[in-house]
Amino acid sequence: GGELPPPLASDGALTAVVMIGTNNLGAGHLPGPTAEGVLAVAREYLRRSRGRLLLCALLPRGDGAELLPRLCPPRCDRRGAPFRSFMPAVEKVNQRLREEAGGGRLSVD
């Protein structure tokens, strides 16, 4: 769980690929805290290593019809109805990740 051996941590040519975050949305977390959690992991990796980090953008979830009604309330639209899709939340998280990436050792794809 999260160990980065010293030879790898010191390798500036190393690129780690990380895919995390979608489970947070499925558990009812808001996009902002979800993005900040992903970025906290990214910052910690960059702090502990000399390598680069590729964050995979969150992928669409296909279980919205099943999960979203259980998350409402409090995760409801303005009319008080369950959201129809996770995509707006996924897009908000991905936008925040891309804003943070801006070049250097962190990228989002």
C-alpha atoms as a PDB file:
ATOM      1  CA  GLY A   1       0.000   0.000   0.000  1.00  0.00           C
ATOM      2  CA  GLY A   2       2.019   2.965  -1.202  1.00  0.00           C
ATOM      3  CA  GLU A   3       5.592   1.827  -0.689  1.00  0.00           C
ATOM      4  CA  LEU A   4       8.099   3.370  -3.063  1.00  0.00           C
ATOM      5  CA  PRO A   5      11.493   1.632  -2.787  1.00  0.00           C
ATOM      6  CA  PRO A   6      14.442   4.064  -2.582  1.00  0.00           C
ATOM      7  CA  PRO A   7      15.981   3.008  -5.934  1.00  0.00           C
ATOM      8  CA  LEU A   8      12.701   3.852  -7.670  1.00  0.00           C
ATOM      9  CA  ALA A   9      12.092   7.025  -5.672  1.00  0.00           C
ATOM     10  CA  SER A  10      15.474   8.394  -6.716  1.00  0.00           C
ATOM     11  CA  ASP A  11      15.024   7.538 -10.412  1.00  0.00           C
ATOM     12  CA  GLY A  12      14.158  10.753 -12.238  1.00  0.00           C
ATOM     13  CA  ALA A  13      13.258   8.755 -15.355  1.00  0.00           C
ATOM     14  CA  LEU A  14      10.498   6.832 -13.538  1.00  0.00           C
ATOM     15  CA  THR A  15       6.908   7.597 -14.529  1.00  0.00           C
ATOM     16  CA  ALA A  16       4.183   6.260 -12.253  1.00  0.00           C
ATOM     17  CA  VAL A  17       0.627   5.883 -13.538  1.00  0.00           C
ATOM     18  CA  VAL A  18      -2.207   6.250 -11.038  1.00  0.00           C
ATOM     19  CA  MET A  19      -5.945   5.767 -11.464  1.00  0.00           C
ATOM     20  CA  ILE A  20      -7.961   6.742  -8.396  1.00  0.00           C
ATOM     21  CA  GLY A  21     -11.048   8.741  -7.430  1.00  0.00           C
ATOM     22  CA  THR A  22     -14.116   7.195  -9.026  1.00  0.00           C
ATOM     23  CA  ASN A  23     -14.959   5.119  -5.939  1.00  0.00           C
ATOM     24  CA  ASN A  24     -15.146   8.329  -3.922  1.00  0.00           C
ATOM     25  CA  LEU A  25     -17.873   9.666  -6.213  1.00  0.00           C
ATOM     26  CA  GLY A  26     -19.737   6.359  -5.994  1.00  0.00           C
ATOM     27  CA  ALA A  27     -19.651   6.636  -2.208  1.00  0.00           C
ATOM     28  CA  GLY A  28     -21.326  10.045  -2.379  1.00  0.00           C
ATOM     29  CA  HIS A  29     -18.314  12.337  -2.059  1.00  0.00           C
ATOM     30  CA  LEU A  30     -18.543  15.670  -3.844  1.00  0.00           C
ATOM     31  CA  PRO A  31     -16.267  16.449  -6.809  1.00  0.00           C
ATOM     32  CA  GLY A  32     -14.189  19.057  -4.933  1.00  0.00           C
ATOM     33  CA  PRO A  33     -13.132  16.821  -2.039  1.00  0.00           C
ATOM     34  CA  THR A  34     -12.652  13.917  -4.447  1.00  0.00           C
ATOM     35  CA  ALA A  35     -10.270  15.961  -6.603  1.00  0.00           C
ATOM     36  CA  GLU A  36      -8.406  17.244  -3.553  1.00  0.00           C
ATOM     37  CA  GLY A  37      -7.953  13.681  -2.293  1.00  0.00           C
ATOM     38  CA  VAL A  38      -6.516  12.590  -5.637  1.00  0.00           C
ATOM     39  CA  LEU A  39      -4.225  15.625  -5.658  1.00  0.00           C
ATOM     40  CA  ALA A  40      -3.077  14.887  -2.102  1.00  0.00           C
ATOM     41  CA  VAL A  41      -1.917  11.450  -3.247  1.00  0.00           C
ATOM     42  CA  ALA A  42      -0.217  13.013  -6.279  1.00  0.00           C
ATOM     43  CA  ARG A  43       1.578  15.626  -4.162  1.00  0.00           C
ATOM     44  CA  GLU A  44       2.778  12.977  -1.738  1.00  0.00           C
ATOM     45  CA  TYR A  45       4.177  10.856  -4.580  1.00  0.00           C
ATOM     46  CA  LEU A  46       5.952  13.897  -6.049  1.00  0.00           C
ATOM     47  CA  ARG A  47       7.306  14.825  -2.617  1.00  0.00           C
ATOM     48  CA  ARG A  48       8.742  11.341  -2.105  1.00  0.00           C
ATOM     49  CA  SER A  49      10.164  10.804  -5.571  1.00  0.00           C
ATOM     50  CA  ARG A  50      12.122  12.444  -8.360  1.00  0.00           C
ATOM     51  CA  GLY A  51       9.977  10.847 -11.080  1.00  0.00           C
ATOM     52  CA  ARG A  52       6.959  11.978 -13.025  1.00  0.00           C
ATOM     53  CA  LEU A  53       3.329  11.130 -12.299  1.00  0.00           C
ATOM     54  CA  LEU A  54       0.574  10.502 -14.823  1.00  0.00           C
ATOM     55  CA  LEU A  55      -2.869  10.728 -13.247  1.00  0.00           C
ATOM     56  CA  CYS A  56      -5.460   8.921 -15.320  1.00  0.00           C
ATOM     57  CA  ALA A  57      -8.551  11.067 -15.701  1.00  0.00           C
ATOM     58  CA  LEU A  58     -11.583   9.589 -14.006  1.00  0.00           C
ATOM     59  CA  LEU A  59     -13.535   7.355 -16.335  1.00  0.00           C
ATOM     60  CA  PRO A  60     -17.320   7.455 -16.702  1.00  0.00           C
ATOM     61  CA  ARG A  61     -19.240   5.288 -14.261  1.00  0.00           C
ATOM     62  CA  GLY A  62     -21.943   3.011 -15.589  1.00  0.00           C
ATOM     63  CA  ASP A  63     -23.729   2.419 -12.298  1.00  0.00           C
ATOM     64  CA  GLY A  64     -25.406   5.810 -11.903  1.00  0.00           C
ATOM     65  CA  ALA A  65     -28.947   4.499 -12.352  1.00  0.00           C
ATOM     66  CA  GLU A  66     -28.381   2.102  -9.458  1.00  0.00           C
ATOM     67  CA  LEU A  67     -26.315   4.243  -7.066  1.00  0.00           C
ATOM     68  CA  LEU A  68     -27.506   7.807  -7.577  1.00  0.00           C
ATOM     69  CA  PRO A  69     -31.038   7.294  -6.184  1.00  0.00           C
ATOM     70  CA  ARG A  70     -29.468   5.938  -2.964  1.00  0.00           C
ATOM     71  CA  LEU A  71     -27.271   9.051  -2.680  1.00  0.00           C
ATOM     72  CA  CYS A  72     -30.262  11.424  -2.859  1.00  0.00           C
ATOM     73  CA  PRO A  73     -30.626  13.112  -0.484  1.00  0.00           C
ATOM     74  CA  PRO A  74     -28.241  14.867  -0.073  1.00  0.00           C
ATOM     75  CA  ARG A  75     -26.765  14.397  -3.582  1.00  0.00           C
ATOM     76  CA  CYS A  76     -29.785  15.636  -5.569  1.00  0.00           C
ATOM     77  CA  ASP A  77     -30.449  18.071  -8.391  1.00  0.00           C
ATOM     78  CA  ARG A  78     -32.117  21.448  -7.824  1.00  0.00           C
ATOM     79  CA  ARG A  79     -35.568  19.860  -7.996  1.00  0.00           C
ATOM     80  CA  GLY A  80     -34.694  17.335  -5.293  1.00  0.00           C
ATOM     81  CA  ALA A  81     -34.483  14.422  -7.734  1.00  0.00           C
ATOM     82  CA  PRO A  82     -31.512  12.043  -8.025  1.00  0.00           C
ATOM     83  CA  PHE A  83     -28.891  12.980 -10.583  1.00  0.00           C
ATOM     84  CA  ARG A  84     -29.176  10.925 -13.756  1.00  0.00           C
ATOM     85  CA  SER A  85     -25.445  10.384 -14.290  1.00  0.00           C
ATOM     86  CA  PHE A  86     -22.087  10.662 -12.569  1.00  0.00           C
ATOM     87  CA  MET A  87     -20.668  12.459 -15.640  1.00  0.00           C
ATOM     88  CA  PRO A  88     -21.057  16.045 -14.355  1.00  0.00           C
ATOM     89  CA  ALA A  89     -19.151  15.071 -11.197  1.00  0.00           C
ATOM     90  CA  VAL A  90     -16.527  13.135 -13.189  1.00  0.00           C
ATOM     91  CA  GLU A  91     -16.021  16.146 -15.467  1.00  0.00           C
ATOM     92  CA  LYS A  92     -15.602  18.503 -12.489  1.00  0.00           C
ATOM     93  CA  VAL A  93     -12.971  16.255 -10.918  1.00  0.00           C
ATOM     94  CA  ASN A  94     -11.098  15.909 -14.216  1.00  0.00           C
ATOM     95  CA  GLN A  95     -11.178  19.663 -14.784  1.00  0.00           C
ATOM     96  CA  ARG A  96      -9.679  20.289 -11.344  1.00  0.00           C
ATOM     97  CA  LEU A  97      -6.956  17.685 -11.932  1.00  0.00           C
ATOM     98  CA  ARG A  98      -6.031  19.250 -15.275  1.00  0.00           C
ATOM     99  CA  GLU A  99      -5.881  22.726 -13.710  1.00  0.00           C
ATOM    100  CA  GLU A 100      -3.384  21.450 -11.159  1.00  0.00           C
ATOM    101  CA  ALA A 101      -1.274  19.497 -13.645  1.00  0.00           C
ATOM    102  CA  GLY A 102      -0.161  22.465 -15.760  1.00  0.00           C
ATOM    103  CA  GLY A 103       3.138  20.832 -16.793  1.00  0.00           C
ATOM    104  CA  GLY A 104       6.186  19.817 -14.842  1.00  0.00           C
ATOM    105  CA  ARG A 105       6.269  16.388 -13.248  1.00  0.00           C
ATOM    106  CA  LEU A 106       2.485  15.965 -13.008  1.00  0.00           C
ATOM    107  CA  SER A 107       0.233  15.302 -15.985  1.00  0.00           C
ATOM    108  CA  VAL A 108      -3.362  14.143 -16.442  1.00  0.00           C
ATOM    109  CA  ASP A 109      -4.641  12.106 -19.349  1.00  0.00           C
END
